[in-house]
Amino acid sequence: MTIVLGYVPTTEGRAALAAAVEEARLRGARLVVLNTTRADRLVDTRYAHDGDIAELEEVLERAGVEHEVRHHTSEQLAGDELVSLAGELDATLLVIGLRHRSPVGKLLLGSAAQTVLLDAPCPVLAVKAPAS
């Protein structure tokens, strides 16, 4: 059993990480974490840097769940890559963080979350960050 997490180093990403770890524990599943960008990795704020990945690995080690972290640049958009990975691994669940976006923001930037929600080959858990 495998759970795929689309991770970004944000409040929403950390909330999704916590939910994915809990699901992995409950299901006795392996957790595969993906952080990717198609754009320049130095400019894309959703692309984790070395410190972010070290922190992520530390959280996963402390959680005690079987895991793998995939961190790279890609030719695909992040949403498409998550959907592909979930299919490739025959994932039982795909977990993403979700944030509110304005209609204009969705129009200009597209929506990885919408791609995942509509195209994933498995159930999707969309996690909101806790209210501040």
N, C-alpha and C. Protein backbone atom coordinates (compact mmCIF):
# COMPACT_ATOMS: atom_id res chain seq x y z
N MET A 1 0.85 -1.16 0.00
CA MET A 1 0.00 0.00 0.00
C MET A 1 0.90 1.24 0.00
N THR A 2 0.58 2.19 -0.87
CA THR A 2 1.40 3.40 -1.02
C THR A 2 0.53 4.64 -1.02
N ILE A 3 0.99 5.65 -0.31
CA ILE A 3 0.37 6.97 -0.31
C ILE A 3 1.36 7.93 -0.96
N VAL A 4 0.87 8.78 -1.84
CA VAL A 4 1.70 9.79 -2.50
C VAL A 4 1.32 11.16 -1.92
N LEU A 5 2.33 11.93 -1.57
CA LEU A 5 2.13 13.28 -1.06
C LEU A 5 2.80 14.28 -1.98
N GLY A 6 2.04 15.26 -2.43
CA GLY A 6 2.61 16.39 -3.15
C GLY A 6 3.01 17.43 -2.13
N TYR A 7 4.31 17.62 -1.94
CA TYR A 7 4.80 18.48 -0.87
C TYR A 7 5.36 19.79 -1.39
N VAL A 8 4.98 20.87 -0.73
CA VAL A 8 5.59 22.18 -0.94
C VAL A 8 5.94 22.75 0.42
N PRO A 9 7.03 23.51 0.55
CA PRO A 9 7.47 24.01 1.85
C PRO A 9 6.68 25.25 2.30
N THR A 10 5.40 25.04 2.57
CA THR A 10 4.51 26.11 3.00
C THR A 10 3.67 25.60 4.17
N THR A 11 2.86 26.47 4.73
CA THR A 11 1.94 26.06 5.79
C THR A 11 1.01 24.96 5.29
N GLU A 12 0.51 25.12 4.08
CA GLU A 12 -0.38 24.10 3.50
C GLU A 12 0.38 22.80 3.29
N GLY A 13 1.62 22.90 2.86
CA GLY A 13 2.43 21.70 2.65
C GLY A 13 2.69 20.95 3.93
N ARG A 14 2.94 21.69 5.01
CA ARG A 14 3.18 21.03 6.31
C ARG A 14 1.90 20.39 6.83
N ALA A 15 0.76 21.02 6.60
CA ALA A 15 -0.52 20.42 7.00
C ALA A 15 -0.78 19.13 6.22
N ALA A 16 -0.48 19.15 4.92
CA ALA A 16 -0.64 17.95 4.10
C ALA A 16 0.32 16.85 4.54
N LEU A 17 1.54 17.24 4.91
CA LEU A 17 2.52 16.27 5.40
C LEU A 17 2.00 15.58 6.67
N ALA A 18 1.48 16.36 7.61
CA ALA A 18 0.96 15.79 8.85
C ALA A 18 -0.19 14.82 8.55
N ALA A 19 -1.07 15.20 7.65
CA ALA A 19 -2.20 14.32 7.29
C ALA A 19 -1.71 13.06 6.60
N ALA A 20 -0.73 13.19 5.72
CA ALA A 20 -0.21 12.02 4.99
C ALA A 20 0.49 11.05 5.94
N VAL A 21 1.24 11.59 6.89
CA VAL A 21 1.91 10.73 7.89
C VAL A 21 0.87 9.97 8.70
N GLU A 22 -0.18 10.68 9.13
CA GLU A 22 -1.24 10.02 9.90
C GLU A 22 -1.93 8.92 9.08
N GLU A 23 -2.20 9.20 7.83
CA GLU A 23 -2.82 8.19 6.96
C GLU A 23 -1.89 6.99 6.76
N ALA A 24 -0.60 7.26 6.59
CA ALA A 24 0.37 6.17 6.42
C ALA A 24 0.41 5.29 7.67
N ARG A 25 0.37 5.92 8.84
CA ARG A 25 0.34 5.15 10.09
C ARG A 25 -0.92 4.31 10.19
N LEU A 26 -2.06 4.93 9.94
CA LEU A 26 -3.35 4.23 10.06
C LEU A 26 -3.45 3.04 9.10
N ARG A 27 -2.90 3.21 7.90
CA ARG A 27 -3.03 2.19 6.86
C ARG A 27 -1.84 1.24 6.80
N GLY A 28 -0.78 1.54 7.57
CA GLY A 28 0.44 0.74 7.46
C GLY A 28 1.05 0.86 6.08
N ALA A 29 0.96 2.06 5.51
CA ALA A 29 1.37 2.29 4.12
C ALA A 29 2.74 2.96 4.04
N ARG A 30 3.36 2.80 2.90
CA ARG A 30 4.59 3.50 2.55
C ARG A 30 4.19 4.88 2.03
N LEU A 31 4.97 5.90 2.37
CA LEU A 31 4.69 7.26 1.95
C LEU A 31 5.76 7.72 0.96
N VAL A 32 5.33 8.11 -0.23
CA VAL A 32 6.24 8.65 -1.24
C VAL A 32 5.93 10.13 -1.38
N VAL A 33 6.93 10.96 -1.08
CA VAL A 33 6.77 12.41 -1.09
C VAL A 33 7.42 12.97 -2.35
N LEU A 34 6.66 13.79 -3.07
CA LEU A 34 7.17 14.40 -4.30
C LEU A 34 7.20 15.91 -4.16
N ASN A 35 8.35 16.50 -4.42
CA ASN A 35 8.49 17.95 -4.54
C ASN A 35 9.21 18.19 -5.85
N THR A 36 8.55 18.90 -6.75
CA THR A 36 9.10 19.08 -8.09
C THR A 36 8.77 20.46 -8.62
N THR A 37 9.47 20.86 -9.63
CA THR A 37 9.17 22.10 -10.33
C THR A 37 9.53 21.93 -11.81
N ARG A 38 8.81 22.61 -12.62
CA ARG A 38 9.13 22.65 -14.03
C ARG A 38 9.90 23.93 -14.34
N ALA A 39 9.71 24.92 -13.50
CA ALA A 39 10.36 26.22 -13.68
C ALA A 39 11.77 26.19 -13.10
N ASP A 40 12.40 27.32 -13.13
CA ASP A 40 13.74 27.44 -12.55
C ASP A 40 13.66 27.22 -11.05
N ARG A 41 14.42 26.30 -10.55
CA ARG A 41 14.34 25.92 -9.14
C ARG A 41 14.75 27.04 -8.20
N LEU A 42 15.45 28.02 -8.68
CA LEU A 42 15.87 29.13 -7.83
C LEU A 42 14.77 30.18 -7.66
N VAL A 43 13.77 30.15 -8.53
CA VAL A 43 12.71 31.15 -8.52
C VAL A 43 11.39 30.59 -7.98
N ASP A 44 11.13 29.33 -8.19
CA ASP A 44 9.86 28.71 -7.80
C ASP A 44 9.83 28.51 -6.28
N THR A 45 8.97 29.26 -5.60
CA THR A 45 8.90 29.18 -4.13
C THR A 45 8.31 27.86 -3.63
N ARG A 46 7.68 27.10 -4.51
CA ARG A 46 7.14 25.80 -4.11
C ARG A 46 8.19 24.70 -4.18
N TYR A 47 9.33 24.99 -4.75
CA TYR A 47 10.40 24.00 -4.85
C TYR A 47 11.24 24.05 -3.58
N ALA A 48 11.31 22.94 -2.88
CA ALA A 48 12.03 22.87 -1.62
C ALA A 48 13.54 22.96 -1.85
N HIS A 49 14.20 23.65 -0.96
CA HIS A 49 15.66 23.74 -1.01
C HIS A 49 16.25 22.76 0.00
N ASP A 50 17.57 22.67 0.06
CA ASP A 50 18.23 21.67 0.89
C ASP A 50 17.76 21.68 2.34
N GLY A 51 17.63 22.86 2.93
CA GLY A 51 17.17 22.96 4.31
C GLY A 51 15.75 22.43 4.48
N ASP A 52 14.88 22.73 3.49
CA ASP A 52 13.50 22.23 3.53
C ASP A 52 13.46 20.71 3.46
N ILE A 53 14.29 20.15 2.60
CA ILE A 53 14.32 18.69 2.44
C ILE A 53 14.88 18.02 3.70
N ALA A 54 15.90 18.62 4.30
CA ALA A 54 16.46 18.08 5.54
C ALA A 54 15.39 18.08 6.64
N GLU A 55 14.63 19.16 6.73
CA GLU A 55 13.55 19.25 7.71
C GLU A 55 12.47 18.21 7.43
N LEU A 56 12.13 18.04 6.17
CA LEU A 56 11.14 17.04 5.76
C LEU A 56 11.60 15.64 6.14
N GLU A 57 12.84 15.32 5.82
CA GLU A 57 13.39 13.99 6.16
C GLU A 57 13.37 13.76 7.67
N GLU A 58 13.69 14.79 8.44
CA GLU A 58 13.68 14.69 9.89
C GLU A 58 12.28 14.38 10.42
N VAL A 59 11.29 15.08 9.89
CA VAL A 59 9.89 14.83 10.29
C VAL A 59 9.49 13.40 9.96
N LEU A 60 9.85 12.93 8.78
CA LEU A 60 9.49 11.58 8.36
C LEU A 60 10.21 10.52 9.20
N GLU A 61 11.47 10.75 9.52
CA GLU A 61 12.21 9.81 10.38
C GLU A 61 11.58 9.73 11.76
N ARG A 62 11.26 10.89 12.34
CA ARG A 62 10.63 10.92 13.67
C ARG A 62 9.27 10.23 13.65
N ALA A 63 8.56 10.36 12.54
CA ALA A 63 7.23 9.76 12.43
C ALA A 63 7.30 8.23 12.38
N GLY A 64 8.43 7.72 11.92
CA GLY A 64 8.61 6.28 11.88
C GLY A 64 7.84 5.57 10.78
N VAL A 65 7.46 6.29 9.72
CA VAL A 65 6.77 5.64 8.61
C VAL A 65 7.78 5.33 7.50
N GLU A 66 7.54 4.24 6.80
CA GLU A 66 8.38 3.92 5.65
C GLU A 66 8.14 5.02 4.61
N HIS A 67 9.23 5.57 4.07
CA HIS A 67 9.06 6.70 3.16
C HIS A 67 10.18 6.78 2.12
N GLU A 68 9.88 7.57 1.11
CA GLU A 68 10.84 7.91 0.07
C GLU A 68 10.55 9.34 -0.34
N VAL A 69 11.59 10.14 -0.53
CA VAL A 69 11.42 11.52 -0.97
C VAL A 69 11.97 11.64 -2.39
N ARG A 70 11.15 12.15 -3.29
CA ARG A 70 11.57 12.42 -4.66
C ARG A 70 11.57 13.94 -4.84
N HIS A 71 12.74 14.47 -5.17
CA HIS A 71 12.93 15.92 -5.23
C HIS A 71 13.74 16.24 -6.47
N HIS A 72 13.09 16.82 -7.48
CA HIS A 72 13.79 17.06 -8.74
C HIS A 72 13.03 18.07 -9.60
N THR A 73 13.67 18.50 -10.68
CA THR A 73 12.97 19.29 -11.69
C THR A 73 12.42 18.32 -12.73
N SER A 74 11.39 18.77 -13.44
CA SER A 74 10.69 17.88 -14.36
C SER A 74 10.25 18.64 -15.60
N GLU A 75 9.98 17.91 -16.64
CA GLU A 75 9.40 18.49 -17.85
C GLU A 75 7.90 18.70 -17.68
N GLN A 76 7.29 17.96 -16.74
CA GLN A 76 5.84 18.03 -16.52
C GLN A 76 5.49 19.10 -15.49
N LEU A 77 4.24 19.56 -15.54
CA LEU A 77 3.71 20.40 -14.48
C LEU A 77 3.56 19.53 -13.23
N ALA A 78 3.64 20.14 -12.06
CA ALA A 78 3.59 19.39 -10.79
C ALA A 78 2.33 18.54 -10.67
N GLY A 79 1.18 19.08 -11.02
CA GLY A 79 -0.07 18.32 -10.93
C GLY A 79 -0.05 17.09 -11.81
N ASP A 80 0.43 17.25 -13.03
CA ASP A 80 0.52 16.12 -13.95
C ASP A 80 1.50 15.07 -13.44
N GLU A 81 2.61 15.53 -12.87
CA GLU A 81 3.59 14.57 -12.35
C GLU A 81 3.04 13.80 -11.16
N LEU A 82 2.29 14.47 -10.29
CA LEU A 82 1.67 13.77 -9.15
C LEU A 82 0.70 12.70 -9.62
N VAL A 83 -0.13 13.05 -10.59
CA VAL A 83 -1.09 12.09 -11.14
C VAL A 83 -0.36 10.89 -11.76
N SER A 84 0.69 11.17 -12.52
CA SER A 84 1.48 10.09 -13.14
C SER A 84 2.12 9.20 -12.08
N LEU A 85 2.69 9.81 -11.05
CA LEU A 85 3.34 9.04 -10.00
C LEU A 85 2.33 8.16 -9.25
N ALA A 86 1.18 8.71 -8.96
CA ALA A 86 0.14 7.92 -8.28
C ALA A 86 -0.26 6.72 -9.12
N GLY A 87 -0.37 6.90 -10.43
CA GLY A 87 -0.69 5.79 -11.31
C GLY A 87 0.44 4.78 -11.38
N GLU A 88 1.67 5.26 -11.52
CA GLU A 88 2.84 4.40 -11.60
C GLU A 88 2.99 3.52 -10.36
N LEU A 89 2.71 4.10 -9.19
CA LEU A 89 2.88 3.37 -7.93
C LEU A 89 1.61 2.64 -7.49
N ASP A 90 0.54 2.76 -8.28
CA ASP A 90 -0.75 2.19 -7.91
C ASP A 90 -1.13 2.66 -6.51
N ALA A 91 -1.03 3.95 -6.29
CA ALA A 91 -1.27 4.56 -4.97
C ALA A 91 -2.71 4.32 -4.52
N THR A 92 -2.85 4.17 -3.21
CA THR A 92 -4.19 4.03 -2.63
C THR A 92 -4.75 5.38 -2.23
N LEU A 93 -3.89 6.38 -2.11
CA LEU A 93 -4.32 7.72 -1.73
C LEU A 93 -3.27 8.72 -2.20
N LEU A 94 -3.75 9.89 -2.62
CA LEU A 94 -2.86 11.00 -2.98
C LEU A 94 -3.24 12.16 -2.08
N VAL A 95 -2.26 12.78 -1.42
CA VAL A 95 -2.51 13.86 -0.47
C VAL A 95 -1.87 15.15 -0.99
N ILE A 96 -2.65 16.23 -0.95
CA ILE A 96 -2.15 17.54 -1.37
C ILE A 96 -2.59 18.60 -0.37
N GLY A 97 -1.82 19.67 -0.29
CA GLY A 97 -2.23 20.84 0.47
C GLY A 97 -3.04 21.74 -0.44
N LEU A 98 -3.98 22.45 0.15
CA LEU A 98 -4.87 23.29 -0.63
C LEU A 98 -4.90 24.69 -0.05
N ARG A 99 -4.83 25.68 -0.92
CA ARG A 99 -4.92 27.06 -0.47
C ARG A 99 -5.96 27.79 -1.30
N HIS A 100 -6.51 28.81 -0.73
CA HIS A 100 -7.51 29.62 -1.44
C HIS A 100 -6.81 30.46 -2.50
N ARG A 101 -7.39 30.48 -3.69
CA ARG A 101 -6.86 31.32 -4.76
C ARG A 101 -7.98 32.12 -5.37
N SER A 102 -7.67 33.31 -5.79
CA SER A 102 -8.68 34.16 -6.44
C SER A 102 -8.96 33.59 -7.83
N PRO A 103 -10.11 33.92 -8.40
CA PRO A 103 -10.40 33.48 -9.77
C PRO A 103 -9.33 33.92 -10.76
N VAL A 104 -8.80 35.13 -10.59
CA VAL A 104 -7.76 35.63 -11.49
C VAL A 104 -6.48 34.80 -11.31
N GLY A 105 -6.14 34.47 -10.07
CA GLY A 105 -4.97 33.64 -9.80
C GLY A 105 -5.07 32.29 -10.47
N LYS A 106 -6.26 31.70 -10.44
CA LYS A 106 -6.47 30.40 -11.10
C LYS A 106 -6.34 30.53 -12.61
N LEU A 107 -6.88 31.61 -13.15
CA LEU A 107 -6.83 31.83 -14.59
C LEU A 107 -5.40 32.02 -15.07
N LEU A 108 -4.62 32.81 -14.36
CA LEU A 108 -3.26 33.11 -14.79
C LEU A 108 -2.28 31.97 -14.55
N LEU A 109 -2.44 31.27 -13.45
CA LEU A 109 -1.45 30.27 -13.06
C LEU A 109 -1.90 28.83 -13.21
N GLY A 110 -3.16 28.62 -13.57
CA GLY A 110 -3.65 27.25 -13.63
C GLY A 110 -3.83 26.72 -12.22
N SER A 111 -4.14 25.45 -12.10
CA SER A 111 -4.34 24.90 -10.78
C SER A 111 -3.87 23.45 -10.73
N ALA A 112 -2.74 23.24 -10.06
CA ALA A 112 -2.25 21.87 -9.88
C ALA A 112 -3.26 21.06 -9.08
N ALA A 113 -3.88 21.70 -8.08
CA ALA A 113 -4.87 20.99 -7.26
C ALA A 113 -6.04 20.51 -8.12
N GLN A 114 -6.51 21.34 -9.03
CA GLN A 114 -7.63 20.93 -9.88
C GLN A 114 -7.22 19.76 -10.77
N THR A 115 -6.03 19.79 -11.32
CA THR A 115 -5.54 18.68 -12.13
C THR A 115 -5.54 17.39 -11.32
N VAL A 116 -5.01 17.46 -10.10
CA VAL A 116 -4.93 16.28 -9.25
C VAL A 116 -6.33 15.78 -8.90
N LEU A 117 -7.20 16.70 -8.46
CA LEU A 117 -8.54 16.30 -8.05
C LEU A 117 -9.33 15.65 -9.19
N LEU A 118 -9.16 16.15 -10.40
CA LEU A 118 -9.94 15.64 -11.53
C LEU A 118 -9.31 14.42 -12.21
N ASP A 119 -7.98 14.30 -12.16
CA ASP A 119 -7.31 13.28 -12.96
C ASP A 119 -6.67 12.14 -12.18
N ALA A 120 -6.59 12.25 -10.87
CA ALA A 120 -5.91 11.22 -10.07
C ALA A 120 -6.60 9.86 -10.22
N PRO A 121 -5.79 8.79 -10.29
CA PRO A 121 -6.35 7.45 -10.45
C PRO A 121 -6.78 6.82 -9.12
N CYS A 122 -6.74 7.62 -8.04
CA CYS A 122 -7.08 7.12 -6.71
C CYS A 122 -7.75 8.24 -5.93
N PRO A 123 -8.28 7.94 -4.75
CA PRO A 123 -8.86 9.02 -3.94
C PRO A 123 -7.81 10.07 -3.59
N VAL A 124 -8.27 11.32 -3.44
CA VAL A 124 -7.39 12.44 -3.12
C VAL A 124 -7.86 13.05 -1.80
N LEU A 125 -6.91 13.26 -0.89
CA LEU A 125 -7.17 13.98 0.34
C LEU A 125 -6.59 15.37 0.19
N ALA A 126 -7.46 16.39 0.14
CA ALA A 126 -7.03 17.78 0.01
C ALA A 126 -7.08 18.41 1.39
N VAL A 127 -5.94 18.89 1.88
CA VAL A 127 -5.81 19.38 3.25
C VAL A 127 -5.61 20.88 3.26
N LYS A 128 -6.43 21.57 4.07
CA LYS A 128 -6.25 23.00 4.25
C LYS A 128 -5.34 23.24 5.44
N ALA A 129 -4.63 24.35 5.40
CA ALA A 129 -3.80 24.75 6.55
C ALA A 129 -4.72 25.16 7.69
N PRO A 130 -4.25 24.96 8.92
CA PRO A 130 -5.06 25.41 10.05
C PRO A 130 -5.30 26.92 9.98
N ALA A 131 -6.45 27.34 10.45
CA ALA A 131 -6.76 28.78 10.47
C ALA A 131 -5.79 29.48 11.42
N SER A 132 -5.31 30.65 10.98
CA SER A 132 -4.35 31.35 11.84
C SER A 132 -5.03 32.30 12.78
